[in-house]
């Protein structure tokens, strides 16, 4: 098992769920604990031969490894097993290819597929011939699999340019929402935590939900009534998972930038999952990687209808958490009130900020978190007037000289 996964059995169970989500029928599993992976075959040669025998006996036509395989390991394993072999990254890419409905999603999946494929074009024969169809090869990237590096790099450039246009369009949409002074609240959490069901319950959106992993791929934003004639925008985002492929994170950064504009993150956890602590840690790690770990957050314990009363009492309770069941609507009124209270405690304020010409990060924060009303450049300084959340203003106070004429 790969380093960093405390419970190998849990990781294997998750791989099985990924395979089912991709449409496979799992006929067997194997687990080997080793001090170091074999550079040629990942597993020990005896274990590989054992897997070959078990796969033949079960009639398997595909072997999925819960570890990213090097091109050499992939070739060697396919030669020894005489079966198609894919790794964890390929199965996740396959699921994303199944889920992509919008043109934006298809562009992002194809970019991730080609970035994954490019360093694996060193060999021919079984590796590429087995990639002609089935699990691990779905989606818009399929037609590029037999292309050479030069053509793939050209396609990657075209896709990257298309995604940059998507980023620009999304930035315009976010600026328009800020101009309307509508706060955005974003759902984040591990895949299959029930985010889309909660999204539907809070917005009556009717977004498709599923018990399979990564049911939501394309982001959705809908109005969320909070009572007392108040409304916020709620954004549903793709679920996270441990060891999410870096190519996929990079490709979907345009989509995940929606999180940067959120005034509040709702971290949704499946309270009934015995491994929710490890899942929450994976979410926290991803939020940190995306640069939004400091965004105000409310922890939402979902699926509490599946808990026994004793287990429900054991849930972490506090100022920044709430227990709900999106399926039965239990606790949703309380959740709406908590959201309204948190948004009220961080109102928009208009203020003047004095930055140095080299202070690009704080200037970017003002543009990202609020609405810049005006910008002036004087004597190596940047004078910015902006409407931002109170928390952002307070964050910048130690680092900027604020003009006295705050509205």
Protein backbone atom coordinates (compact mmCIF):
# COMPACT_ATOMS: atom_id res chain seq x y z
CA UNK A 1 0.00 0.00 0.00
CA UNK A 2 1.20 3.55 -0.65
CA UNK A 3 2.79 5.53 2.14
CA UNK A 4 0.56 7.97 3.98
CA UNK A 5 -2.51 5.70 4.07
CA UNK A 6 -2.88 4.59 7.67
CA UNK A 7 -5.45 1.90 7.00
CA UNK A 8 -4.68 -0.21 3.93
CA UNK A 9 -7.95 -2.10 4.20
CA UNK A 10 -9.89 1.17 4.07
CA UNK A 11 -7.91 2.28 1.03
CA UNK A 12 -8.69 -1.00 -0.70
CA UNK A 13 -12.38 -0.64 0.15
CA UNK A 14 -12.35 2.82 -1.39
CA UNK A 15 -10.69 1.49 -4.55
CA UNK A 16 -13.49 -1.07 -4.80
CA UNK A 17 -16.07 1.73 -4.60
CA UNK A 18 -14.22 3.60 -7.33
CA UNK A 19 -14.30 0.51 -9.54
CA UNK A 20 -18.04 0.08 -8.98
CA UNK A 21 -18.60 3.74 -9.79
CA UNK A 22 -16.75 3.21 -13.07
CA UNK A 23 -19.09 0.36 -13.98
CA UNK A 24 -16.83 -2.58 -13.12
CA UNK A 25 -17.85 -5.78 -11.36
CA UNK A 26 -15.31 -6.61 -8.68
CA UNK A 27 -14.51 -10.33 -8.57
CA UNK A 28 -11.66 -10.27 -6.08
CA UNK A 29 -9.14 -8.20 -4.14
CA UNK A 30 -5.57 -8.68 -3.00
CA UNK A 31 -3.45 -6.84 -0.46
CA UNK A 32 0.28 -6.95 0.16
CA UNK A 33 2.15 -5.01 2.80
CA UNK A 34 5.77 -4.34 1.87
CA UNK A 35 8.50 -2.11 3.35
CA UNK A 36 9.23 -0.68 -0.12
CA UNK A 37 7.49 -1.10 -3.48
CA UNK A 38 9.22 -3.21 -6.10
CA UNK A 39 10.52 -0.76 -8.75
CA UNK A 40 9.79 -3.26 -11.53
CA UNK A 41 6.35 -4.58 -10.60
CA UNK A 42 5.27 -2.61 -7.47
CA UNK A 43 4.34 -5.88 -5.74
CA UNK A 44 6.57 -8.86 -5.08
CA UNK A 45 6.95 -11.27 -8.01
CA UNK A 46 5.27 -14.08 -6.06
CA UNK A 47 2.25 -11.87 -5.31
CA UNK A 48 1.97 -10.88 -8.96
CA UNK A 49 1.89 -14.55 -9.99
CA UNK A 50 -0.74 -15.21 -7.31
CA UNK A 51 -2.89 -12.37 -8.68
CA UNK A 52 -2.50 -13.78 -12.19
CA UNK A 53 -3.80 -17.17 -11.11
CA UNK A 54 -6.72 -15.72 -9.13
CA UNK A 55 -7.67 -13.35 -11.96
CA UNK A 56 -7.75 -16.19 -14.48
CA UNK A 57 -9.83 -18.35 -12.17
CA UNK A 58 -12.34 -15.53 -11.63
CA UNK A 59 -12.52 -14.61 -15.32
CA UNK A 60 -11.21 -11.08 -14.74
CA UNK A 61 -10.17 -8.95 -17.71
CA UNK A 62 -8.85 -5.94 -15.77
CA UNK A 63 -6.59 -5.41 -12.74
CA UNK A 64 -6.70 -2.07 -10.88
CA UNK A 65 -3.82 -1.04 -8.60
CA UNK A 66 -4.35 1.34 -5.68
CA UNK A 67 -1.10 3.09 -6.49
CA UNK A 68 0.16 5.21 -9.34
CA UNK A 69 2.17 2.94 -11.62
CA UNK A 70 5.29 4.04 -13.46
CA UNK A 71 5.42 3.31 -17.20
CA UNK A 72 7.90 0.50 -16.51
CA UNK A 73 5.71 -1.08 -13.83
CA UNK A 74 2.67 -0.83 -16.10
CA UNK A 75 4.44 -2.60 -18.98
CA UNK A 76 5.89 -5.29 -16.75
CA UNK A 77 2.60 -6.01 -14.99
CA UNK A 78 0.67 -6.26 -18.26
CA UNK A 79 3.28 -8.63 -19.65
CA UNK A 80 3.24 -10.91 -16.61
CA UNK A 81 -0.51 -10.81 -15.92
CA UNK A 82 -1.47 -10.86 -19.60
CA UNK A 83 -4.37 -8.57 -18.65
CA UNK A 84 -5.20 -4.92 -18.98
CA UNK A 85 -3.76 -3.02 -15.99
CA UNK A 86 -4.69 0.46 -14.78
CA UNK A 87 -3.92 2.43 -11.62
CA UNK A 88 -5.87 4.58 -9.19
CA UNK A 89 -5.38 7.76 -11.22
CA UNK A 90 -6.78 6.11 -14.36
CA UNK A 91 -9.91 4.87 -12.60
CA UNK A 92 -10.59 8.36 -11.19
CA UNK A 93 -10.03 9.93 -14.60
CA UNK A 94 -12.44 7.38 -16.06
CA UNK A 95 -15.15 8.30 -13.56
CA UNK A 96 -14.67 11.99 -14.23
CA UNK A 97 -14.96 11.32 -17.96
CA UNK A 98 -18.29 9.57 -17.30
CA UNK A 99 -19.59 12.44 -15.20
CA UNK A 100 -18.51 15.36 -17.43
CA UNK A 101 -21.63 16.82 -19.06
CA UNK A 102 -20.71 20.42 -19.82
CA UNK A 103 -18.17 21.42 -22.43
CA UNK A 104 -16.08 22.92 -19.65
CA UNK A 105 -16.00 19.64 -17.75
CA UNK A 106 -15.05 17.71 -20.88
CA UNK A 107 -12.17 20.10 -21.59
CA UNK A 108 -10.86 19.71 -18.06
CA UNK A 109 -11.09 15.92 -18.10
CA UNK A 110 -9.35 15.67 -21.46
CA UNK A 111 -6.54 17.93 -20.28
CA UNK A 112 -6.01 15.75 -17.22
CA UNK A 113 -6.07 12.59 -19.35
CA UNK A 114 -3.47 13.87 -21.78
CA UNK A 115 -1.17 15.16 -19.04
CA UNK A 116 -1.36 11.70 -17.48
CA UNK A 117 -0.75 9.96 -20.81
CA UNK A 118 2.14 12.07 -22.07
CA UNK A 119 4.95 10.62 -19.91
CA UNK A 120 3.63 7.12 -20.59
CA UNK A 121 4.18 7.19 -24.34
CA UNK A 122 7.71 5.83 -24.12
CA UNK A 123 6.55 2.29 -24.80
CA UNK A 124 4.38 0.67 -27.41
CA UNK A 125 2.91 -2.77 -27.73
CA UNK A 126 0.62 -4.04 -25.00
CA UNK A 127 0.42 -0.82 -22.99
CA UNK A 128 -1.09 1.27 -25.78
CA UNK A 129 -2.90 -1.56 -27.54
CA UNK A 130 -4.83 -2.38 -24.39
CA UNK A 131 -5.96 1.23 -24.03
CA UNK A 132 -8.34 0.98 -26.96
CA UNK A 133 -11.55 0.87 -24.91
CA UNK A 134 -13.26 0.06 -21.64
CA UNK A 135 -12.59 1.31 -18.13
CA UNK A 136 -9.66 3.68 -17.93
CA UNK A 137 -10.01 5.04 -21.46
CA UNK A 138 -13.40 6.74 -21.53
CA UNK A 139 -14.04 10.34 -22.34
CA UNK A 140 -12.91 13.03 -24.70
CA UNK A 141 -9.24 12.04 -24.43
CA UNK A 142 -9.77 8.63 -26.05
CA UNK A 143 -9.06 9.82 -29.59
CA UNK A 144 -5.66 11.20 -28.55
CA UNK A 145 -4.31 7.96 -27.07
CA UNK A 146 -2.33 6.88 -30.15
CA UNK A 147 -1.01 10.34 -30.98
CA UNK A 148 2.65 11.13 -30.62
CA UNK A 149 4.03 13.54 -28.05
CA UNK A 150 4.12 16.49 -30.42
CA UNK A 151 0.44 16.25 -31.29
CA UNK A 152 -0.54 15.68 -27.68
CA UNK A 153 1.44 18.72 -26.53
CA UNK A 154 -0.30 20.79 -29.19
CA UNK A 155 -3.67 19.53 -27.98
CA UNK A 156 -2.71 20.31 -24.37
CA UNK A 157 -1.92 23.90 -25.36
CA UNK A 158 -5.31 24.23 -27.08
CA UNK A 159 -7.12 22.81 -24.06
CA UNK A 160 -5.19 25.04 -21.65
CA UNK A 161 -6.16 28.09 -23.69
CA UNK A 162 -9.81 27.00 -23.65
CA UNK A 163 -9.72 26.56 -19.89
CA UNK A 164 -8.13 29.99 -19.49
CA UNK A 165 -11.14 31.41 -21.33
CA UNK A 166 -13.35 29.51 -18.90
CA UNK A 167 -11.45 31.06 -15.98
CA UNK A 168 -12.02 34.53 -17.42
CA UNK A 169 -15.74 33.86 -17.87
CA UNK A 170 -16.05 32.54 -14.33
CA UNK A 171 -14.22 35.59 -12.99
CA UNK A 172 -16.75 37.83 -14.75
CA UNK A 173 -19.63 35.86 -13.26
CA UNK A 174 -18.13 36.15 -9.78
CA UNK A 175 -17.61 39.89 -10.20
CA UNK A 176 -21.24 40.25 -11.28
CA UNK A 177 -22.39 38.39 -8.17
CA UNK A 178 -20.22 40.62 -5.97
CA UNK A 179 -21.71 43.70 -7.62
CA UNK A 180 -25.12 42.44 -6.52
CA UNK A 181 -23.81 42.09 -2.94
CA UNK A 182 -24.87 38.44 -2.82
CA UNK A 183 -22.70 36.36 -0.52
CA UNK A 184 -21.59 32.97 -1.89
CA UNK A 185 -21.52 29.90 0.33
CA UNK A 186 -19.69 26.84 -1.05
CA UNK A 187 -20.17 23.18 -0.20
CA UNK A 188 -16.97 21.19 0.17
CA UNK A 189 -16.35 17.68 1.41
CA UNK A 190 -15.31 14.17 0.62
CA UNK A 191 -16.92 12.46 -2.32
CA UNK A 192 -20.28 10.87 -1.47
CA UNK A 193 -20.67 12.91 1.73
CA UNK A 194 -24.14 14.00 0.58
CA UNK A 195 -23.28 17.49 -0.67
CA UNK A 196 -25.66 17.40 -3.66
CA UNK A 197 -28.53 16.11 -1.53
CA UNK A 198 -27.89 18.93 0.94
CA UNK A 199 -27.63 21.38 -1.98
CA UNK A 200 -31.07 20.29 -3.21
CA UNK A 201 -32.56 20.50 0.27
CA UNK A 202 -31.31 24.07 0.79
CA UNK A 203 -32.10 25.41 -2.69
CA UNK A 204 -34.80 23.12 -4.19
CA UNK A 205 -32.47 22.87 -7.21
CA UNK A 206 -33.18 19.28 -8.27
CA UNK A 207 -29.52 18.48 -8.96
CA UNK A 208 -28.98 14.79 -9.79
CA UNK A 209 -27.76 12.81 -6.79
CA UNK A 210 -26.25 9.34 -6.62
CA UNK A 211 -24.72 6.95 -4.12
CA UNK A 212 -21.77 6.55 -6.49
CA UNK A 213 -18.56 8.50 -6.06
CA UNK A 214 -18.20 11.82 -7.90
CA UNK A 215 -21.87 12.14 -8.82
CA UNK A 216 -21.29 15.91 -9.14
CA UNK A 217 -18.58 17.14 -11.47
CA UNK A 218 -19.82 20.37 -13.04
CA UNK A 219 -20.32 23.13 -10.42
CA UNK A 220 -23.81 24.51 -9.83
CA UNK A 221 -24.78 27.80 -8.19
CA UNK A 222 -28.33 28.48 -6.95
CA UNK A 223 -30.08 30.99 -4.70
CA UNK A 224 -30.51 29.85 -1.10
CA UNK A 225 -33.24 31.53 0.98
CA UNK A 226 -32.17 32.20 4.57
CA UNK A 227 -35.35 33.71 5.97
CA UNK A 228 -36.21 37.30 6.87
CA UNK A 229 -36.10 38.17 3.15
CA UNK A 230 -32.42 37.26 3.01
CA UNK A 231 -30.82 35.28 0.19
CA UNK A 232 -27.33 33.92 -0.42
CA UNK A 233 -25.84 31.92 -3.27
CA UNK A 234 -24.95 28.27 -2.65
CA UNK A 235 -22.30 26.57 -4.81
CA UNK A 236 -22.03 22.78 -5.14
CA UNK A 237 -18.52 21.59 -6.03
CA UNK A 238 -16.78 18.36 -6.95
CA UNK A 239 -16.06 16.04 -4.05
CA UNK A 240 -12.51 15.48 -2.83
CA UNK A 241 -10.76 12.18 -2.30
CA UNK A 242 -7.46 11.03 -0.89
CA UNK A 243 -4.64 10.99 -3.44
CA UNK A 244 -6.63 13.05 -5.93
CA UNK A 245 -4.45 13.06 -9.06
CA UNK A 246 -2.44 16.29 -9.34
CA UNK A 247 -3.20 16.53 -13.07
CA UNK A 248 -6.89 16.52 -12.19
CA UNK A 249 -6.50 19.21 -9.54
CA UNK A 250 -4.57 21.38 -12.00
CA UNK A 251 -7.10 20.85 -14.79
CA UNK A 252 -10.06 21.63 -12.55
CA UNK A 253 -8.52 24.70 -10.95
CA UNK A 254 -10.82 26.94 -13.01
CA UNK A 255 -13.79 25.18 -11.43
CA UNK A 256 -12.32 25.08 -7.94
CA UNK A 257 -11.62 28.83 -8.09
CA UNK A 258 -15.31 29.18 -7.20
CA UNK A 259 -14.18 28.39 -3.65
CA UNK A 260 -11.95 31.46 -3.57
CA UNK A 261 -14.99 33.72 -3.88
CA UNK A 262 -16.94 32.06 -1.09
CA UNK A 263 -17.61 34.05 2.07
CA UNK A 264 -18.28 30.80 3.91
CA UNK A 265 -17.41 27.14 3.33
CA UNK A 266 -19.75 24.38 4.48
CA UNK A 267 -17.52 21.38 5.12
CA UNK A 268 -19.91 18.44 4.76
CA UNK A 269 -18.97 15.17 6.46
CA UNK A 270 -20.75 11.82 6.28
CA UNK A 271 -21.17 11.31 10.01
CA UNK A 272 -22.15 7.66 9.48
CA UNK A 273 -18.87 6.75 7.76
CA UNK A 274 -16.48 5.15 10.27
CA UNK A 275 -13.54 6.65 8.37
CA UNK A 276 -14.79 10.25 8.40
CA UNK A 277 -11.77 11.52 10.35
CA UNK A 278 -9.34 10.46 7.59
CA UNK A 279 -11.71 11.84 4.95
CA UNK A 280 -11.91 15.19 6.75
CA UNK A 281 -8.11 15.31 6.90
CA UNK A 282 -7.96 14.80 3.12
CA UNK A 283 -10.44 17.66 2.61
CA UNK A 284 -8.45 19.96 4.89
CA UNK A 285 -5.28 19.14 2.98
CA UNK A 286 -6.95 19.95 -0.35
CA UNK A 287 -8.37 23.25 0.96
CA UNK A 288 -4.88 24.20 2.09
CA UNK A 289 -3.46 23.29 -1.34
CA UNK A 290 -6.11 25.46 -3.01
CA UNK A 291 -5.27 28.40 -0.75
CA UNK A 292 -8.70 28.68 0.91
CA UNK A 293 -7.94 27.10 4.29
CA UNK A 294 -8.39 30.49 6.01
CA UNK A 295 -11.93 31.03 4.66
CA UNK A 296 -14.55 31.00 7.46
CA UNK A 297 -16.00 27.51 7.77
CA UNK A 298 -18.98 25.70 9.25
CA UNK A 299 -18.64 21.94 9.76
CA UNK A 300 -21.84 20.14 8.73
CA UNK A 301 -22.29 16.62 10.06
CA UNK A 302 -24.60 15.02 7.48
CA UNK A 303 -26.50 11.71 7.41
CA UNK A 304 -27.13 11.78 11.18
CA UNK A 305 -30.37 9.88 10.54
CA UNK A 306 -28.15 6.80 10.15
CA UNK A 307 -26.63 7.18 13.61
CA UNK A 308 -27.73 5.58 16.84
CA UNK A 309 -28.63 8.12 19.58
CA UNK A 310 -25.44 7.32 21.48
CA UNK A 311 -23.28 7.92 18.40
CA UNK A 312 -25.14 11.14 17.65
CA UNK A 313 -24.24 12.47 21.11
CA UNK A 314 -20.57 11.69 20.47
CA UNK A 315 -20.37 14.00 17.47
CA UNK A 316 -18.10 16.96 17.82
CA UNK A 317 -20.32 19.86 18.87
CA UNK A 318 -19.41 23.48 19.04
CA UNK A 319 -19.78 26.95 17.67
CA UNK A 320 -18.55 25.93 14.21
CA UNK A 321 -20.46 22.67 13.67
CA UNK A 322 -24.04 21.56 13.15
CA UNK A 323 -25.69 18.13 12.73
CA UNK A 324 -28.22 17.58 9.93
CA UNK A 325 -29.80 14.99 7.68
CA UNK A 326 -30.23 16.30 4.16
CA UNK A 327 -32.31 13.22 3.35
CA UNK A 328 -34.91 13.76 6.10
CA UNK A 329 -34.48 17.57 6.45
CA UNK A 330 -33.56 17.19 10.11
CA UNK A 331 -31.61 20.22 11.36
CA UNK A 332 -31.88 22.21 8.11
CA UNK A 333 -33.68 25.17 9.69
CA UNK A 334 -30.92 25.39 12.27
CA UNK A 335 -28.30 25.17 9.52
CA UNK A 336 -29.90 28.06 7.62
CA UNK A 337 -29.89 30.15 10.78
CA UNK A 338 -26.24 29.38 11.46
CA UNK A 339 -25.35 30.37 7.89
CA UNK A 340 -27.31 33.62 8.22
CA UNK A 341 -25.64 34.40 11.56
CA UNK A 342 -22.14 33.76 10.19
CA UNK A 343 -22.74 35.90 7.11
CA UNK A 344 -24.14 38.71 9.26
CA UNK A 345 -21.08 38.56 11.50
CA UNK A 346 -18.89 39.21 8.48
CA UNK A 347 -20.69 42.04 6.62
CA UNK A 348 -19.38 43.85 3.58
CA UNK A 349 -17.64 47.15 4.34
CA UNK A 350 -16.21 49.77 1.99
CA UNK A 351 -12.71 50.92 2.87
CA UNK A 352 -9.58 52.58 1.47
CA UNK A 353 -6.36 50.59 1.40
CA UNK A 354 -2.81 51.76 0.75
CA UNK A 355 -0.56 49.07 -0.69
CA UNK A 356 2.97 49.03 -2.00
CA UNK A 357 3.42 48.54 -5.75
CA UNK A 358 5.03 45.15 -5.05
CA UNK A 359 2.18 43.95 -2.82
CA UNK A 360 0.49 41.86 -5.49
CA UNK A 361 -0.86 39.19 -3.14
CA UNK A 362 -2.92 41.60 -1.05
CA UNK A 363 -4.11 43.43 -4.13
CA UNK A 364 -5.21 40.08 -5.59
CA UNK A 365 -7.02 39.31 -2.30
CA UNK A 366 -9.01 42.55 -2.59
CA UNK A 367 -10.03 41.69 -6.15
CA UNK A 368 -10.84 38.08 -5.26
CA UNK A 369 -12.73 38.62 -2.01
CA UNK A 370 -14.57 41.82 -2.80
CA UNK A 371 -15.34 44.51 -5.33
CA UNK A 372 -12.64 47.05 -6.15
CA UNK A 373 -14.32 50.43 -6.61
CA UNK A 374 -11.26 52.41 -7.69
CA UNK A 375 -7.48 52.09 -8.02
CA UNK A 376 -4.91 54.90 -8.10
CA UNK A 377 -1.12 54.74 -8.40
CA UNK A 378 0.94 57.40 -6.60
CA UNK A 379 4.66 57.50 -5.77
CA UNK A 380 5.15 53.74 -5.80
CA UNK A 381 1.95 53.12 -3.84
CA UNK A 382 -1.42 51.71 -4.85
CA UNK A 383 -4.49 53.36 -3.33
CA UNK A 384 -7.45 51.00 -3.53
CA UNK A 385 -11.04 51.58 -2.50
CA UNK A 386 -12.93 48.30 -2.20
CA UNK A 387 -16.00 46.63 -0.72
CA UNK A 388 -14.81 43.54 1.14
CA UNK A 389 -15.96 41.35 4.04
CA UNK A 390 -15.10 42.75 7.46
CA UNK A 391 -12.81 39.75 8.09
CA UNK A 392 -10.73 40.60 5.00
CA UNK A 393 -10.45 44.22 6.05
CA UNK A 394 -9.26 43.20 9.51
CA UNK A 395 -6.77 40.77 7.96
CA UNK A 396 -5.21 43.59 5.93
CA UNK A 397 -5.15 46.20 8.70
CA UNK A 398 -1.76 45.16 10.13
CA UNK A 399 -0.19 45.28 6.68
CA UNK A 400 -1.74 48.39 5.12
CA UNK A 401 -2.30 51.99 6.05
CA UNK A 402 -6.03 52.46 5.83
CA UNK A 403 -7.34 55.88 4.90
CA UNK A 404 -9.61 57.48 7.53
CA UNK A 405 -12.57 57.94 5.20
CA UNK A 406 -14.05 54.45 5.52
CA UNK A 407 -17.72 54.26 4.58
